[in-house]
Amino acid sequence: MKRILLSALIIPFLYSCGTPSTDPEAEKAAIAVASKAFSQAYMDGNLEEQMSYYTDDIVIMSGSREMIRGKEEVTNYWRLPASVKVLEHASTPVELEVSGDMAKDFGYYEGKSVRNGDTITFRGQYLITWRKEADGQWRMSADMWSALNN
């Protein structure tokens, strides 16, 4: 009985000592890199690369549209017609908070695109939940945004 009790107390302690602590600033920097790479893939029209920054169970919510769930459906959403070219896209976080393998990120986005020959600027606000997956990469698990009037 003493052995079981001792094991029950010591094993969790040893496990917690062996688990590397995460550096929140390093995790925030990794998320910032992923966010910038997502924007670059969007501007480059590299849909496969863009989708690599989403989890398989991604949910996106865009403005007044119904939510879109799963990587296949989200990929279809982001597939742009040949008449559209994204020239600029960037997000600027107001707050980015990391807690373990999850993060909350909200702020503003802006960009410029050409649609059917017309140049359009856009801006809005966003809320993203990020999840650090088994491979150590941060990916968006929920992505929500709404346009703001210019």
Protein backbone atom coordinates (compact mmCIF):
# COMPACT_ATOMS: atom_id res chain seq x y z
CA MET A 1 0.00 0.00 0.00
CA LYS A 2 2.83 2.39 0.87
CA ARG A 3 4.48 1.58 -2.45
CA ILE A 4 1.29 2.44 -4.39
CA LEU A 5 0.81 5.67 -2.46
CA LEU A 6 4.44 6.63 -2.93
CA SER A 7 4.22 5.88 -6.65
CA ALA A 8 1.04 7.94 -6.93
CA LEU A 9 2.84 10.92 -5.42
CA ILE A 10 6.25 10.61 -7.02
CA ILE A 11 5.40 9.68 -10.63
CA PRO A 12 3.40 12.84 -11.39
CA PHE A 13 6.14 14.93 -9.77
CA LEU A 14 8.86 13.26 -11.85
CA TYR A 15 6.79 13.65 -15.01
CA SER A 16 6.30 17.36 -14.38
CA CYS A 17 10.03 17.82 -13.78
CA GLY A 18 10.84 16.06 -17.06
CA THR A 19 8.35 18.03 -19.13
CA PRO A 20 10.06 20.99 -20.77
CA SER A 21 8.49 24.29 -19.87
CA THR A 22 7.35 26.39 -22.78
CA ASP A 23 8.50 29.93 -23.26
CA PRO A 24 5.38 32.02 -23.99
CA GLU A 25 7.39 34.62 -25.92
CA ALA A 26 8.94 31.94 -28.13
CA GLU A 27 5.49 30.43 -28.73
CA LYS A 28 4.09 33.86 -29.64
CA ALA A 29 6.98 34.36 -32.06
CA ALA A 30 6.26 30.96 -33.67
CA ILE A 31 2.59 31.92 -34.09
CA ALA A 32 3.60 35.27 -35.63
CA VAL A 33 5.80 33.41 -38.13
CA ALA A 34 2.92 31.04 -39.01
CA SER A 35 0.51 33.96 -39.40
CA LYS A 36 2.89 35.81 -41.73
CA ALA A 37 3.53 32.64 -43.75
CA PHE A 38 -0.24 32.10 -44.11
CA SER A 39 -0.61 35.64 -45.50
CA GLN A 40 2.31 35.11 -47.88
CA ALA A 41 0.84 31.84 -49.18
CA TYR A 42 -2.50 33.64 -49.68
CA MET A 43 -0.80 36.41 -51.67
CA ASP A 44 1.21 33.87 -53.68
CA GLY A 45 -1.94 31.90 -54.53
CA ASN A 46 -0.36 28.81 -52.97
CA LEU A 47 -3.50 27.14 -51.66
CA GLU A 48 -1.74 23.98 -50.48
CA GLU A 49 0.74 25.99 -48.39
CA GLN A 50 -2.06 28.22 -47.09
CA MET A 51 -4.08 25.22 -45.93
CA SER A 52 -1.06 23.80 -44.08
CA TYR A 53 -1.63 26.48 -41.43
CA TYR A 54 -5.08 25.06 -40.56
CA THR A 55 -5.88 22.02 -38.44
CA ASP A 56 -7.83 19.18 -40.07
CA ASP A 57 -10.89 20.13 -37.98
CA ILE A 58 -10.71 23.85 -38.82
CA VAL A 59 -13.83 25.99 -38.53
CA ILE A 60 -13.99 29.35 -40.29
CA MET A 61 -16.63 32.03 -39.81
CA SER A 62 -16.62 34.85 -42.31
CA GLY A 63 -18.92 37.81 -41.82
CA SER A 64 -22.58 36.91 -42.28
CA ARG A 65 -21.93 33.51 -43.93
CA GLU A 66 -22.63 30.15 -42.34
CA MET A 67 -19.65 28.53 -40.64
CA ILE A 68 -17.50 26.24 -42.76
CA ARG A 69 -16.05 23.12 -41.13
CA GLY A 70 -13.22 20.82 -42.10
CA LYS A 71 -10.15 21.29 -44.25
CA GLU A 72 -11.77 20.13 -47.50
CA GLU A 73 -14.62 22.64 -47.28
CA VAL A 74 -12.30 25.41 -46.11
CA THR A 75 -9.99 24.69 -49.04
CA ASN A 76 -12.95 25.11 -51.39
CA TYR A 77 -13.78 28.43 -49.71
CA TRP A 78 -10.27 29.79 -50.24
CA ARG A 79 -9.95 28.62 -53.86
CA LEU A 80 -9.83 31.90 -55.79
CA PRO A 81 -11.07 32.39 -59.35
CA ALA A 82 -8.45 33.31 -61.97
CA SER A 83 -9.84 36.86 -62.04
CA VAL A 84 -8.70 37.50 -58.43
CA LYS A 85 -5.14 38.27 -57.33
CA VAL A 86 -4.30 39.12 -53.73
CA LEU A 87 -1.65 41.86 -53.70
CA GLU A 88 -1.36 42.51 -49.97
CA HIS A 89 -2.54 40.76 -46.81
CA ALA A 90 -1.41 41.20 -43.23
CA SER A 91 -2.82 40.74 -39.78
CA THR A 92 -1.84 42.84 -36.78
CA PRO A 93 -2.58 41.28 -33.41
CA VAL A 94 -3.97 43.41 -30.61
CA GLU A 95 -3.64 40.54 -28.17
CA LEU A 96 -1.98 37.16 -28.45
CA GLU A 97 -2.22 34.93 -25.38
CA VAL A 98 -0.68 31.46 -25.18
CA SER A 99 -1.89 28.87 -22.68
CA GLY A 100 -0.25 25.48 -23.09
CA ASP A 101 -0.94 24.15 -26.57
CA MET A 102 -3.71 26.68 -27.28
CA ALA A 103 -3.57 30.37 -28.08
CA LYS A 104 -6.03 33.22 -28.50
CA ASP A 105 -5.19 35.82 -31.14
CA PHE A 106 -7.31 38.83 -32.05
CA GLY A 107 -6.68 42.01 -33.93
CA TYR A 108 -7.05 43.59 -37.34
CA TYR A 109 -6.35 42.49 -40.90
CA GLU A 110 -5.96 44.50 -44.08
CA GLY A 111 -5.06 43.97 -47.67
CA LYS A 112 -5.47 44.77 -51.31
CA SER A 113 -6.63 42.62 -54.20
CA VAL A 114 -7.45 42.88 -57.87
CA ARG A 115 -10.88 41.52 -58.80
CA ASN A 116 -11.97 41.57 -62.42
CA GLY A 117 -9.48 44.36 -63.10
CA ASP A 118 -10.56 46.54 -60.16
CA THR A 119 -8.20 47.13 -57.23
CA ILE A 120 -9.98 46.75 -53.92
CA THR A 121 -8.68 47.47 -50.44
CA PHE A 122 -10.11 45.65 -47.46
CA ARG A 123 -9.76 45.67 -43.71
CA GLY A 124 -11.46 44.09 -40.76
CA GLN A 125 -11.10 42.40 -37.43
CA TYR A 126 -10.33 38.78 -36.61
CA LEU A 127 -10.31 36.22 -33.83
CA ILE A 128 -8.22 33.07 -34.20
CA THR A 129 -7.65 30.13 -31.91
CA TRP A 130 -4.34 28.42 -32.55
CA ARG A 131 -3.46 24.87 -31.52
CA LYS A 132 0.04 23.46 -31.23
CA GLU A 133 -0.14 20.03 -32.81
CA ALA A 134 1.87 16.86 -32.20
CA ASP A 135 4.46 17.88 -34.81
CA GLY A 136 5.17 21.07 -32.81
CA GLN A 137 3.57 23.39 -35.39
CA TRP A 138 0.99 26.02 -34.50
CA ARG A 139 -2.11 25.82 -36.71
CA MET A 140 -5.39 27.68 -36.73
CA SER A 141 -8.26 25.62 -35.35
CA ALA A 142 -10.86 28.40 -35.57
CA ASP A 143 -10.67 31.49 -37.76
CA MET A 144 -13.31 34.19 -37.56
CA TRP A 145 -13.32 37.59 -39.22
CA SER A 146 -15.58 40.44 -40.21
CA ALA A 147 -15.04 43.38 -42.51
CA LEU A 148 -14.94 46.93 -41.21
CA ASN A 149 -16.17 49.87 -43.27
CA ASN A 150 -13.30 51.83 -44.75
